[in-house]
Amino acid sequence: MNYNADALREASERSGVPFGYLMRLAAAEERDPQDPEGNAVLGKQLTVVFDHYVAKCLAEPDPAAALRRFGFTESAAALDGSQNEI
């Protein structure tokens, strides 16, 4: 699906999802000459989603607790130094 910047901005305003996040998801869908069949699109999109949620967690007052809330237990353990969760 190709969306132009105006459509993404409108979707962002309607949904409250950050415009930059939607732009990155749309960019992950763009045709890649090195991957003409688009086999890597899902991986790129998941990377964008993961990055978005990890960044949100790291901006929290207690980043390790926020990571755990989203299920990123190994990242939380690495952040707070407790290796017993890994």
C-alpha atoms as a PDB file:
ATOM      1  CA  MET A   1       0.000   0.000   0.000  1.00  0.00           C
ATOM      2  CA  ASN A   2       1.457   3.314  -1.001  1.00  0.00           C
ATOM      3  CA  TYR A   3       0.332   6.265   1.067  1.00  0.00           C
ATOM      4  CA  ASN A   4       1.399   9.813   0.426  1.00  0.00           C
ATOM      5  CA  ALA A   5       2.480  12.111   3.251  1.00  0.00           C
ATOM      6  CA  ASP A   6      -0.919  13.852   3.369  1.00  0.00           C
ATOM      7  CA  ALA A   7      -2.795  10.563   3.815  1.00  0.00           C
ATOM      8  CA  LEU A   8      -0.372   9.494   6.544  1.00  0.00           C
ATOM      9  CA  ARG A   9      -0.655  12.866   8.312  1.00  0.00           C
ATOM     10  CA  GLU A  10      -4.448  12.601   8.232  1.00  0.00           C
ATOM     11  CA  ALA A  11      -4.307   9.040   9.574  1.00  0.00           C
ATOM     12  CA  SER A  12      -1.938  10.211  12.307  1.00  0.00           C
ATOM     13  CA  GLU A  13      -4.260  13.013  13.356  1.00  0.00           C
ATOM     14  CA  ARG A  14      -7.303  10.707  13.337  1.00  0.00           C
ATOM     15  CA  SER A  15      -5.654   7.889  15.273  1.00  0.00           C
ATOM     16  CA  GLY A  16      -3.172   9.676  17.508  1.00  0.00           C
ATOM     17  CA  VAL A  17      -0.375   7.448  16.185  1.00  0.00           C
ATOM     18  CA  PRO A  18       2.760   9.554  15.625  1.00  0.00           C
ATOM     19  CA  PHE A  19       3.258  10.690  12.037  1.00  0.00           C
ATOM     20  CA  GLY A  20       6.934   9.672  12.037  1.00  0.00           C
ATOM     21  CA  TYR A  21       5.995   6.154  13.093  1.00  0.00           C
ATOM     22  CA  LEU A  22       3.510   5.843  10.229  1.00  0.00           C
ATOM     23  CA  MET A  23       6.096   7.229   7.803  1.00  0.00           C
ATOM     24  CA  ARG A  24       8.623   4.615   8.908  1.00  0.00           C
ATOM     25  CA  LEU A  25       6.059   1.820   8.515  1.00  0.00           C
ATOM     26  CA  ALA A  26       5.203   3.068   5.027  1.00  0.00           C
ATOM     27  CA  ALA A  27       8.902   3.313   4.114  1.00  0.00           C
ATOM     28  CA  ALA A  28       9.366  -0.309   5.191  1.00  0.00           C
ATOM     29  CA  GLU A  29       6.896  -1.291   2.459  1.00  0.00           C
ATOM     30  CA  GLU A  30       8.717   0.552  -0.315  1.00  0.00           C
ATOM     31  CA  ARG A  31      10.079  -1.545  -3.147  1.00  0.00           C
ATOM     32  CA  ASP A  32      13.660  -2.650  -2.650  1.00  0.00           C
ATOM     33  CA  PRO A  33      15.536  -3.634  -5.812  1.00  0.00           C
ATOM     34  CA  GLN A  34      17.588  -6.091  -3.763  1.00  0.00           C
ATOM     35  CA  ASP A  35      14.366  -7.757  -2.581  1.00  0.00           C
ATOM     36  CA  PRO A  36      12.048  -7.636  -5.622  1.00  0.00           C
ATOM     37  CA  GLU A  37       9.541 -10.104  -4.157  1.00  0.00           C
ATOM     38  CA  GLY A  38       9.191  -8.117  -0.916  1.00  0.00           C
ATOM     39  CA  ASN A  39      10.213 -10.976   1.339  1.00  0.00           C
ATOM     40  CA  ALA A  40      11.847  -8.639   3.856  1.00  0.00           C
ATOM     41  CA  VAL A  41       8.908  -6.221   4.262  1.00  0.00           C
ATOM     42  CA  LEU A  42       7.452  -7.876   7.349  1.00  0.00           C
ATOM     43  CA  GLY A  43      10.863  -7.983   9.018  1.00  0.00           C
ATOM     44  CA  LYS A  44      11.377  -4.273   8.323  1.00  0.00           C
ATOM     45  CA  GLN A  45       7.928  -3.423   9.668  1.00  0.00           C
ATOM     46  CA  LEU A  46       8.494  -5.479  12.825  1.00  0.00           C
ATOM     47  CA  THR A  47      11.785  -3.663  13.351  1.00  0.00           C
ATOM     48  CA  VAL A  48       9.926  -0.330  13.190  1.00  0.00           C
ATOM     49  CA  VAL A  49       7.309  -1.553  15.688  1.00  0.00           C
ATOM     50  CA  PHE A  50       9.939  -2.948  18.048  1.00  0.00           C
ATOM     51  CA  ASP A  51      11.986   0.253  17.883  1.00  0.00           C
ATOM     52  CA  HIS A  52       8.896   2.373  18.565  1.00  0.00           C
ATOM     53  CA  TYR A  53       7.883   0.460  21.685  1.00  0.00           C
ATOM     54  CA  VAL A  54      11.412   0.107  23.065  1.00  0.00           C
ATOM     55  CA  ALA A  55      11.916   3.861  22.649  1.00  0.00           C
ATOM     56  CA  LYS A  56       8.640   4.512  24.501  1.00  0.00           C
ATOM     57  CA  CYS A  57       9.781   2.221  27.307  1.00  0.00           C
ATOM     58  CA  LEU A  58      13.194   3.817  27.595  1.00  0.00           C
ATOM     59  CA  ALA A  59      11.576   7.243  27.945  1.00  0.00           C
ATOM     60  CA  GLU A  60       9.580   6.099  31.001  1.00  0.00           C
ATOM     61  CA  PRO A  61      10.719   6.979  34.553  1.00  0.00           C
ATOM     62  CA  ASP A  62      11.393   3.267  35.183  1.00  0.00           C
ATOM     63  CA  PRO A  63      12.497   1.906  31.802  1.00  0.00           C
ATOM     64  CA  ALA A  64      13.086  -1.658  33.040  1.00  0.00           C
ATOM     65  CA  ALA A  65       9.543  -1.881  34.455  1.00  0.00           C
ATOM     66  CA  ALA A  66       8.119  -0.443  31.228  1.00  0.00           C
ATOM     67  CA  LEU A  67      10.041  -3.001  29.162  1.00  0.00           C
ATOM     68  CA  ARG A  68       8.661  -5.792  31.342  1.00  0.00           C
ATOM     69  CA  ARG A  69       5.108  -4.447  30.913  1.00  0.00           C
ATOM     70  CA  PHE A  70       5.466  -4.797  27.137  1.00  0.00           C
ATOM     71  CA  GLY A  71       6.980  -8.258  27.478  1.00  0.00           C
ATOM     72  CA  PHE A  72      10.583  -7.312  26.728  1.00  0.00           C
ATOM     73  CA  THR A  73      11.853  -9.220  29.756  1.00  0.00           C
ATOM     74  CA  GLU A  74      15.318  -9.963  28.400  1.00  0.00           C
ATOM     75  CA  SER A  75      15.892  -6.313  27.515  1.00  0.00           C
ATOM     76  CA  ALA A  76      14.648  -5.293  30.974  1.00  0.00           C
ATOM     77  CA  ALA A  77      17.001  -7.771  32.633  1.00  0.00           C
ATOM     78  CA  ALA A  78      19.934  -6.491  30.600  1.00  0.00           C
ATOM     79  CA  LEU A  79      19.020  -2.896  31.450  1.00  0.00           C
ATOM     80  CA  ASP A  80      18.746  -3.376  35.196  1.00  0.00           C
ATOM     81  CA  GLY A  81      21.608  -5.870  35.374  1.00  0.00           C
ATOM     82  CA  SER A  82      19.588  -8.813  36.670  1.00  0.00           C
ATOM     83  CA  GLN A  83      20.634 -11.719  34.527  1.00  0.00           C
ATOM     84  CA  ASN A  84      18.380 -14.240  36.277  1.00  0.00           C
ATOM     85  CA  GLU A  85      15.487 -13.488  33.866  1.00  0.00           C
ATOM     86  CA  ILE A  86      17.471 -14.290  30.750  1.00  0.00           C
END
